[in-house]
Amino acid sequence: METFVKTSGSKGLQLYVPLNAETSYEMTKPVARRIAEVLADQTRELVVSQMARSARAGKVLIDWSQNTEHKSMVCAYSVRAKQRPTVSTPVRWSEVEAALNAGDPGQLSFEMGAVRERLAELGDLFEPVLSTRQQLSARQLAIAGT
């Protein structure tokens, strides 16, 4: 499924998979958890799906638990209230790859002026989250046990 990525404006990345059919948390949360578990199983040296800080050291946490109606995430283009006010910014997957290849996560850190320039140059990279049409298949739901 098509997936869109944005920075949290802090340390993480947030992934969005638009689902435009009748979909509930009861359907999506098990799918998100199963995806996280499969990624963790297949790449144990890199990825964890458990919240325990002791399990996360030096690894990427796939936080499937964020996929619930009782959690909150910063929305796209929100400025974080930090000493250096960075912005939650939609990015292209090629930018994520470039930052990873360079070993420089700072390439994915943007302040307000840079975000305005990006919008002028690239347009709204987050708009497709609202317009992309896709839904979970019966197979995906079955794999997740829903």
N, C-alpha and C. Protein backbone atom coordinates (compact mmCIF):
# COMPACT_ATOMS: atom_id res chain seq x y z
N MET A 1 0.84 -1.17 0.00
CA MET A 1 0.00 0.00 0.00
C MET A 1 0.89 1.23 0.00
N GLU A 2 0.38 2.28 -0.62
CA GLU A 2 1.15 3.51 -0.66
C GLU A 2 1.24 4.10 0.74
N THR A 3 2.47 4.47 1.12
CA THR A 3 2.75 4.98 2.45
C THR A 3 3.45 6.32 2.34
N PHE A 4 3.06 7.25 3.18
CA PHE A 4 3.64 8.59 3.18
C PHE A 4 4.35 8.80 4.51
N VAL A 5 5.42 9.59 4.46
CA VAL A 5 6.26 9.77 5.64
C VAL A 5 6.42 11.25 5.95
N LYS A 6 6.45 11.55 7.24
CA LYS A 6 6.77 12.91 7.68
C LYS A 6 7.61 12.80 8.94
N THR A 7 8.35 13.85 9.20
CA THR A 7 9.10 13.90 10.44
C THR A 7 8.13 14.23 11.56
N SER A 8 8.52 13.87 12.77
CA SER A 8 7.70 14.24 13.92
C SER A 8 7.99 15.68 14.35
N GLY A 9 9.08 16.22 13.80
CA GLY A 9 9.54 17.53 14.26
C GLY A 9 10.45 17.38 15.46
N SER A 10 10.65 16.13 15.88
CA SER A 10 11.54 15.83 17.00
C SER A 10 12.50 14.74 16.55
N LYS A 11 12.41 13.54 17.13
CA LYS A 11 13.38 12.49 16.81
C LYS A 11 12.87 11.44 15.84
N GLY A 12 11.58 11.38 15.58
CA GLY A 12 11.06 10.25 14.84
C GLY A 12 10.48 10.59 13.48
N LEU A 13 10.08 9.52 12.81
CA LEU A 13 9.33 9.61 11.57
C LEU A 13 7.96 9.00 11.82
N GLN A 14 6.97 9.51 11.13
CA GLN A 14 5.62 8.97 11.25
C GLN A 14 5.16 8.57 9.85
N LEU A 15 4.61 7.37 9.77
CA LEU A 15 4.16 6.83 8.49
C LEU A 15 2.64 6.85 8.43
N TYR A 16 2.12 7.21 7.28
CA TYR A 16 0.68 7.30 7.07
C TYR A 16 0.30 6.42 5.88
N VAL A 17 -0.67 5.55 6.10
CA VAL A 17 -1.24 4.71 5.05
C VAL A 17 -2.71 5.10 4.95
N PRO A 18 -3.07 5.91 3.96
CA PRO A 18 -4.46 6.34 3.86
C PRO A 18 -5.39 5.15 3.62
N LEU A 19 -6.45 5.08 4.40
CA LEU A 19 -7.49 4.07 4.23
C LEU A 19 -8.81 4.81 4.10
N ASN A 20 -9.44 4.66 2.96
CA ASN A 20 -10.61 5.46 2.67
C ASN A 20 -11.91 4.67 2.68
N ALA A 21 -11.83 3.40 2.94
CA ALA A 21 -13.04 2.59 3.05
C ALA A 21 -13.50 2.62 4.50
N GLU A 22 -14.60 1.98 4.78
CA GLU A 22 -15.08 1.87 6.15
C GLU A 22 -14.03 1.11 6.95
N THR A 23 -13.32 1.80 7.81
CA THR A 23 -12.22 1.22 8.57
C THR A 23 -12.30 1.72 9.99
N SER A 24 -12.01 0.83 10.94
CA SER A 24 -12.06 1.20 12.35
C SER A 24 -10.72 0.90 13.01
N TYR A 25 -10.55 1.43 14.21
CA TYR A 25 -9.36 1.11 14.99
C TYR A 25 -9.29 -0.38 15.25
N GLU A 26 -10.44 -1.01 15.46
CA GLU A 26 -10.46 -2.45 15.72
C GLU A 26 -9.88 -3.24 14.55
N MET A 27 -9.97 -2.67 13.34
CA MET A 27 -9.41 -3.32 12.16
C MET A 27 -7.94 -2.95 11.95
N THR A 28 -7.62 -1.67 12.13
CA THR A 28 -6.29 -1.21 11.76
C THR A 28 -5.22 -1.49 12.81
N LYS A 29 -5.57 -1.47 14.07
CA LYS A 29 -4.56 -1.67 15.11
C LYS A 29 -3.90 -3.05 15.01
N PRO A 30 -4.66 -4.16 14.83
CA PRO A 30 -4.00 -5.46 14.68
C PRO A 30 -3.11 -5.53 13.44
N VAL A 31 -3.52 -4.85 12.36
CA VAL A 31 -2.69 -4.83 11.15
C VAL A 31 -1.39 -4.10 11.43
N ALA A 32 -1.48 -2.94 12.08
CA ALA A 32 -0.27 -2.18 12.42
C ALA A 32 0.64 -2.99 13.33
N ARG A 33 0.08 -3.67 14.30
CA ARG A 33 0.88 -4.48 15.21
C ARG A 33 1.56 -5.62 14.47
N ARG A 34 0.84 -6.29 13.59
CA ARG A 34 1.41 -7.42 12.85
C ARG A 34 2.54 -6.96 11.94
N ILE A 35 2.35 -5.82 11.28
CA ILE A 35 3.42 -5.28 10.43
C ILE A 35 4.67 -5.02 11.27
N ALA A 36 4.50 -4.40 12.43
CA ALA A 36 5.64 -4.11 13.32
C ALA A 36 6.32 -5.40 13.76
N GLU A 37 5.53 -6.41 14.12
CA GLU A 37 6.11 -7.68 14.57
C GLU A 37 6.87 -8.39 13.46
N VAL A 38 6.33 -8.37 12.24
CA VAL A 38 7.03 -9.00 11.11
C VAL A 38 8.34 -8.28 10.84
N LEU A 39 8.30 -6.94 10.82
CA LEU A 39 9.54 -6.19 10.60
C LEU A 39 10.56 -6.49 11.69
N ALA A 40 10.12 -6.56 12.93
CA ALA A 40 11.03 -6.86 14.03
C ALA A 40 11.60 -8.28 13.91
N ASP A 41 10.75 -9.23 13.56
CA ASP A 41 11.21 -10.61 13.40
C ASP A 41 12.23 -10.75 12.27
N GLN A 42 12.00 -10.03 11.18
CA GLN A 42 12.86 -10.16 10.00
C GLN A 42 14.16 -9.36 10.11
N THR A 43 14.18 -8.37 10.98
CA THR A 43 15.37 -7.51 11.11
C THR A 43 15.67 -7.26 12.59
N ARG A 44 15.85 -8.32 13.34
CA ARG A 44 16.04 -8.23 14.79
C ARG A 44 17.17 -7.29 15.22
N GLU A 45 18.21 -7.18 14.39
CA GLU A 45 19.33 -6.33 14.75
C GLU A 45 19.03 -4.84 14.56
N LEU A 46 17.93 -4.53 13.86
CA LEU A 46 17.61 -3.14 13.54
C LEU A 46 16.30 -2.62 14.12
N VAL A 47 15.31 -3.50 14.27
CA VAL A 47 13.94 -3.06 14.54
C VAL A 47 13.36 -3.78 15.75
N VAL A 48 12.60 -3.05 16.56
CA VAL A 48 11.83 -3.64 17.65
C VAL A 48 10.38 -3.14 17.56
N SER A 49 9.50 -3.94 18.12
CA SER A 49 8.09 -3.54 18.17
C SER A 49 7.60 -3.46 19.60
N GLN A 50 8.53 -3.56 20.55
CA GLN A 50 8.20 -3.51 21.98
C GLN A 50 8.55 -2.13 22.52
N MET A 51 7.71 -1.65 23.42
CA MET A 51 7.92 -0.31 23.97
C MET A 51 9.05 -0.24 25.01
N ALA A 52 9.43 -1.35 25.60
CA ALA A 52 10.43 -1.33 26.68
C ALA A 52 11.72 -0.64 26.21
N ARG A 53 12.13 0.38 26.94
CA ARG A 53 13.33 1.13 26.57
C ARG A 53 14.56 0.22 26.48
N SER A 54 14.62 -0.79 27.34
CA SER A 54 15.77 -1.70 27.33
C SER A 54 15.87 -2.47 26.02
N ALA A 55 14.77 -2.71 25.35
CA ALA A 55 14.76 -3.45 24.08
C ALA A 55 15.06 -2.53 22.90
N ARG A 56 14.93 -1.22 23.10
CA ARG A 56 15.01 -0.27 21.99
C ARG A 56 16.40 0.30 21.73
N ALA A 57 17.32 0.14 22.64
CA ALA A 57 18.64 0.79 22.52
C ALA A 57 19.28 0.48 21.17
N GLY A 58 19.57 1.53 20.40
CA GLY A 58 20.25 1.39 19.13
C GLY A 58 19.40 0.82 18.01
N LYS A 59 18.09 0.76 18.22
CA LYS A 59 17.21 0.18 17.21
C LYS A 59 16.08 1.15 16.86
N VAL A 60 15.40 0.82 15.80
CA VAL A 60 14.23 1.59 15.37
C VAL A 60 13.00 0.96 16.01
N LEU A 61 12.22 1.78 16.70
CA LEU A 61 10.97 1.32 17.29
C LEU A 61 9.84 1.55 16.29
N ILE A 62 9.14 0.50 15.93
CA ILE A 62 7.92 0.63 15.15
C ILE A 62 6.79 0.68 16.17
N ASP A 63 6.32 1.87 16.45
CA ASP A 63 5.34 2.08 17.52
C ASP A 63 3.92 1.89 16.99
N TRP A 64 3.53 0.66 16.86
CA TRP A 64 2.19 0.32 16.36
C TRP A 64 1.10 0.80 17.31
N SER A 65 1.45 1.01 18.57
CA SER A 65 0.44 1.41 19.55
C SER A 65 -0.08 2.82 19.31
N GLN A 66 0.61 3.61 18.49
CA GLN A 66 0.13 4.96 18.17
C GLN A 66 -1.18 4.89 17.38
N ASN A 67 -1.44 3.77 16.77
CA ASN A 67 -2.63 3.61 15.93
C ASN A 67 -3.85 3.32 16.80
N THR A 68 -4.27 4.34 17.53
CA THR A 68 -5.43 4.21 18.40
C THR A 68 -6.10 5.57 18.57
N GLU A 69 -7.35 5.54 18.91
CA GLU A 69 -8.08 6.79 19.06
C GLU A 69 -7.72 7.56 20.32
N HIS A 70 -6.98 6.95 21.23
CA HIS A 70 -6.66 7.60 22.50
C HIS A 70 -5.26 8.19 22.54
N LYS A 71 -4.52 8.09 21.45
CA LYS A 71 -3.17 8.65 21.38
C LYS A 71 -3.20 9.89 20.50
N SER A 72 -2.21 10.71 20.66
CA SER A 72 -2.13 11.90 19.81
C SER A 72 -0.77 11.95 19.15
N MET A 73 -0.75 12.52 17.97
CA MET A 73 0.50 12.77 17.25
C MET A 73 0.43 14.19 16.73
N VAL A 74 1.57 14.78 16.57
CA VAL A 74 1.63 16.13 16.04
C VAL A 74 1.24 16.08 14.56
N CYS A 75 0.46 17.05 14.12
CA CYS A 75 0.02 17.05 12.72
C CYS A 75 1.10 17.67 11.84
N ALA A 76 0.97 17.41 10.55
CA ALA A 76 1.92 17.95 9.57
C ALA A 76 1.99 19.46 9.69
N TYR A 77 3.19 19.99 9.61
CA TYR A 77 3.50 21.41 9.63
C TYR A 77 3.37 22.05 11.01
N SER A 78 3.25 21.24 12.06
CA SER A 78 3.23 21.79 13.41
C SER A 78 4.65 22.12 13.86
N VAL A 79 4.77 23.25 14.52
CA VAL A 79 6.06 23.66 15.09
C VAL A 79 6.14 23.08 16.49
N ARG A 80 7.27 22.43 16.79
CA ARG A 80 7.48 21.84 18.10
C ARG A 80 8.00 22.89 19.07
N ALA A 81 7.49 22.86 20.27
CA ALA A 81 7.88 23.83 21.30
C ALA A 81 9.19 23.37 21.94
N LYS A 82 10.28 23.67 21.26
CA LYS A 82 11.61 23.28 21.74
C LYS A 82 12.53 24.48 21.61
N GLN A 83 13.71 24.38 22.21
CA GLN A 83 14.67 25.48 22.12
C GLN A 83 14.96 25.81 20.66
N ARG A 84 15.12 24.78 19.85
CA ARG A 84 15.25 24.97 18.40
C ARG A 84 13.92 24.51 17.80
N PRO A 85 13.03 25.44 17.44
CA PRO A 85 11.68 25.06 17.02
C PRO A 85 11.65 24.42 15.63
N THR A 86 11.69 23.11 15.62
CA THR A 86 11.62 22.38 14.36
C THR A 86 10.16 22.08 14.02
N VAL A 87 9.94 21.70 12.77
CA VAL A 87 8.59 21.54 12.24
C VAL A 87 8.37 20.10 11.79
N SER A 88 7.21 19.56 12.11
CA SER A 88 6.81 18.25 11.60
C SER A 88 6.60 18.40 10.09
N THR A 89 7.46 17.76 9.31
CA THR A 89 7.54 18.05 7.88
C THR A 89 7.37 16.80 7.02
N PRO A 90 6.44 16.83 6.08
CA PRO A 90 6.35 15.73 5.11
C PRO A 90 7.63 15.68 4.28
N VAL A 91 8.14 14.48 4.06
CA VAL A 91 9.35 14.30 3.27
C VAL A 91 9.13 13.21 2.23
N ARG A 92 10.02 13.17 1.27
CA ARG A 92 9.99 12.12 0.26
C ARG A 92 10.81 10.94 0.77
N TRP A 93 10.46 9.75 0.33
CA TRP A 93 11.22 8.56 0.73
C TRP A 93 12.68 8.69 0.29
N SER A 94 12.94 9.34 -0.85
CA SER A 94 14.32 9.52 -1.31
C SER A 94 15.12 10.37 -0.31
N GLU A 95 14.46 11.29 0.38
CA GLU A 95 15.14 12.09 1.40
C GLU A 95 15.48 11.25 2.62
N VAL A 96 14.59 10.34 2.98
CA VAL A 96 14.86 9.43 4.09
C VAL A 96 16.06 8.55 3.75
N GLU A 97 16.06 8.00 2.54
CA GLU A 97 17.18 7.16 2.10
C GLU A 97 18.48 7.94 2.10
N ALA A 98 18.46 9.18 1.60
CA ALA A 98 19.68 9.99 1.55
C ALA A 98 20.21 10.26 2.95
N ALA A 99 19.34 10.58 3.89
CA ALA A 99 19.77 10.82 5.28
C ALA A 99 20.34 9.55 5.88
N LEU A 100 19.70 8.42 5.60
CA LEU A 100 20.19 7.13 6.11
C LEU A 100 21.56 6.81 5.52
N ASN A 101 21.70 6.96 4.21
CA ASN A 101 22.97 6.67 3.54
C ASN A 101 24.09 7.58 4.02
N ALA A 102 23.74 8.82 4.34
CA ALA A 102 24.75 9.78 4.82
C ALA A 102 25.02 9.62 6.31
N GLY A 103 24.18 8.82 6.99
CA GLY A 103 24.31 8.70 8.44
C GLY A 103 24.03 10.01 9.14
N ASP A 104 23.15 10.82 8.55
CA ASP A 104 22.89 12.16 9.06
C ASP A 104 21.40 12.42 9.21
N PRO A 105 20.82 12.06 10.37
CA PRO A 105 19.39 12.32 10.56
C PRO A 105 19.06 13.81 10.56
N GLY A 106 20.05 14.67 10.76
CA GLY A 106 19.83 16.11 10.72
C GLY A 106 19.33 16.61 9.38
N GLN A 107 19.54 15.82 8.33
CA GLN A 107 19.03 16.18 7.01
C GLN A 107 17.50 16.22 7.00
N LEU A 108 16.88 15.58 8.00
CA LEU A 108 15.43 15.52 8.08
C LEU A 108 14.88 16.41 9.18
N SER A 109 15.65 17.43 9.54
CA SER A 109 15.22 18.37 10.57
C SER A 109 15.04 19.74 9.91
N PHE A 110 13.85 20.29 10.05
CA PHE A 110 13.51 21.52 9.33
C PHE A 110 12.95 22.57 10.28
N GLU A 111 13.40 23.80 10.08
CA GLU A 111 12.83 24.94 10.80
C GLU A 111 11.82 25.63 9.89
N MET A 112 11.10 26.60 10.44
CA MET A 112 9.97 27.21 9.73
C MET A 112 10.35 27.77 8.36
N GLY A 113 11.45 28.49 8.27
CA GLY A 113 11.85 29.07 6.98
C GLY A 113 12.10 28.01 5.93
N ALA A 114 12.75 26.94 6.33
CA ALA A 114 13.03 25.85 5.38
C ALA A 114 11.74 25.18 4.91
N VAL A 115 10.77 25.06 5.80
CA VAL A 115 9.49 24.45 5.42
C VAL A 115 8.75 25.33 4.43
N ARG A 116 8.77 26.63 4.65
CA ARG A 116 8.14 27.55 3.68
C ARG A 116 8.80 27.41 2.31
N GLU A 117 10.12 27.32 2.28
CA GLU A 117 10.83 27.14 1.01
C GLU A 117 10.46 25.81 0.36
N ARG A 118 10.37 24.75 1.16
CA ARG A 118 9.99 23.43 0.63
C ARG A 118 8.59 23.48 0.02
N LEU A 119 7.66 24.13 0.71
CA LEU A 119 6.29 24.23 0.20
C LEU A 119 6.27 24.97 -1.14
N ALA A 120 7.04 26.04 -1.24
CA ALA A 120 7.09 26.81 -2.49
C ALA A 120 7.69 25.98 -3.61
N GLU A 121 8.70 25.18 -3.29
CA GLU A 121 9.42 24.41 -4.31
C GLU A 121 8.72 23.08 -4.64
N LEU A 122 8.27 22.36 -3.61
CA LEU A 122 7.77 21.00 -3.80
C LEU A 122 6.25 20.88 -3.72
N GLY A 123 5.59 21.92 -3.25
CA GLY A 123 4.16 21.81 -2.99
C GLY A 123 3.94 21.05 -1.69
N ASP A 124 2.70 20.71 -1.44
CA ASP A 124 2.33 20.01 -0.20
C ASP A 124 2.52 18.52 -0.38
N LEU A 125 3.62 17.98 0.15
CA LEU A 125 3.89 16.54 0.03
C LEU A 125 2.92 15.70 0.86
N PHE A 126 2.17 16.33 1.73
CA PHE A 126 1.23 15.59 2.58
C PHE A 126 -0.17 15.51 1.97
N GLU A 127 -0.45 16.29 0.95
CA GLU A 127 -1.79 16.31 0.33
C GLU A 127 -2.26 14.93 -0.11
N PRO A 128 -1.39 14.08 -0.67
CA PRO A 128 -1.87 12.77 -1.11
C PRO A 128 -2.45 11.90 0.01
N VAL A 129 -2.12 12.21 1.26
CA VAL A 129 -2.71 11.46 2.37
C VAL A 129 -4.23 11.64 2.35
N LEU A 130 -4.69 12.80 1.91
CA LEU A 130 -6.12 13.07 1.86
C LEU A 130 -6.78 12.56 0.57
N SER A 131 -6.02 12.46 -0.51
CA SER A 131 -6.63 12.13 -1.79
C SER A 131 -6.37 10.70 -2.27
N THR A 132 -5.40 10.01 -1.70
CA THR A 132 -5.10 8.65 -2.12
C THR A 132 -6.22 7.71 -1.69
N ARG A 133 -6.66 6.86 -2.60
CA ARG A 133 -7.76 5.93 -2.34
C ARG A 133 -7.21 4.51 -2.27
N GLN A 134 -7.33 3.89 -1.11
CA GLN A 134 -6.92 2.51 -0.92
C GLN A 134 -7.61 1.96 0.32
N GLN A 135 -7.67 0.66 0.42
CA GLN A 135 -8.31 0.03 1.57
C GLN A 135 -7.60 -1.26 1.90
N LEU A 136 -7.77 -1.73 3.13
CA LEU A 136 -7.20 -3.01 3.55
C LEU A 136 -7.90 -4.13 2.80
N SER A 137 -7.13 -5.09 2.34
CA SER A 137 -7.71 -6.23 1.65
C SER A 137 -8.11 -7.29 2.67
N ALA A 138 -8.94 -8.22 2.25
CA ALA A 138 -9.34 -9.32 3.11
C ALA A 138 -8.12 -10.13 3.53
N ARG A 139 -7.14 -10.27 2.64
CA ARG A 139 -5.91 -11.01 2.95
C ARG A 139 -5.11 -10.30 4.05
N GLN A 140 -4.99 -8.99 3.96
CA GLN A 140 -4.26 -8.24 4.98
C GLN A 140 -4.95 -8.36 6.34
N LEU A 141 -6.23 -8.29 6.34
CA LEU A 141 -6.97 -8.44 7.59
C LEU A 141 -6.83 -9.85 8.15
N ALA A 142 -6.82 -10.85 7.28
CA ALA A 142 -6.68 -12.24 7.73
C ALA A 142 -5.29 -12.47 8.33
N ILE A 143 -4.26 -11.93 7.71
CA ILE A 143 -2.89 -12.08 8.23
C ILE A 143 -2.80 -11.48 9.62
N ALA A 144 -3.49 -10.37 9.82
CA ALA A 144 -3.46 -9.70 11.13
C ALA A 144 -4.38 -10.37 12.14
N GLY A 145 -5.19 -11.32 11.69
CA GLY A 145 -6.06 -12.01 12.60
C GLY A 145 -7.32 -11.26 12.94
N THR A 146 -7.74 -10.36 12.08
CA THR A 146 -8.99 -9.63 12.34
C THR A 146 -10.14 -10.17 11.52
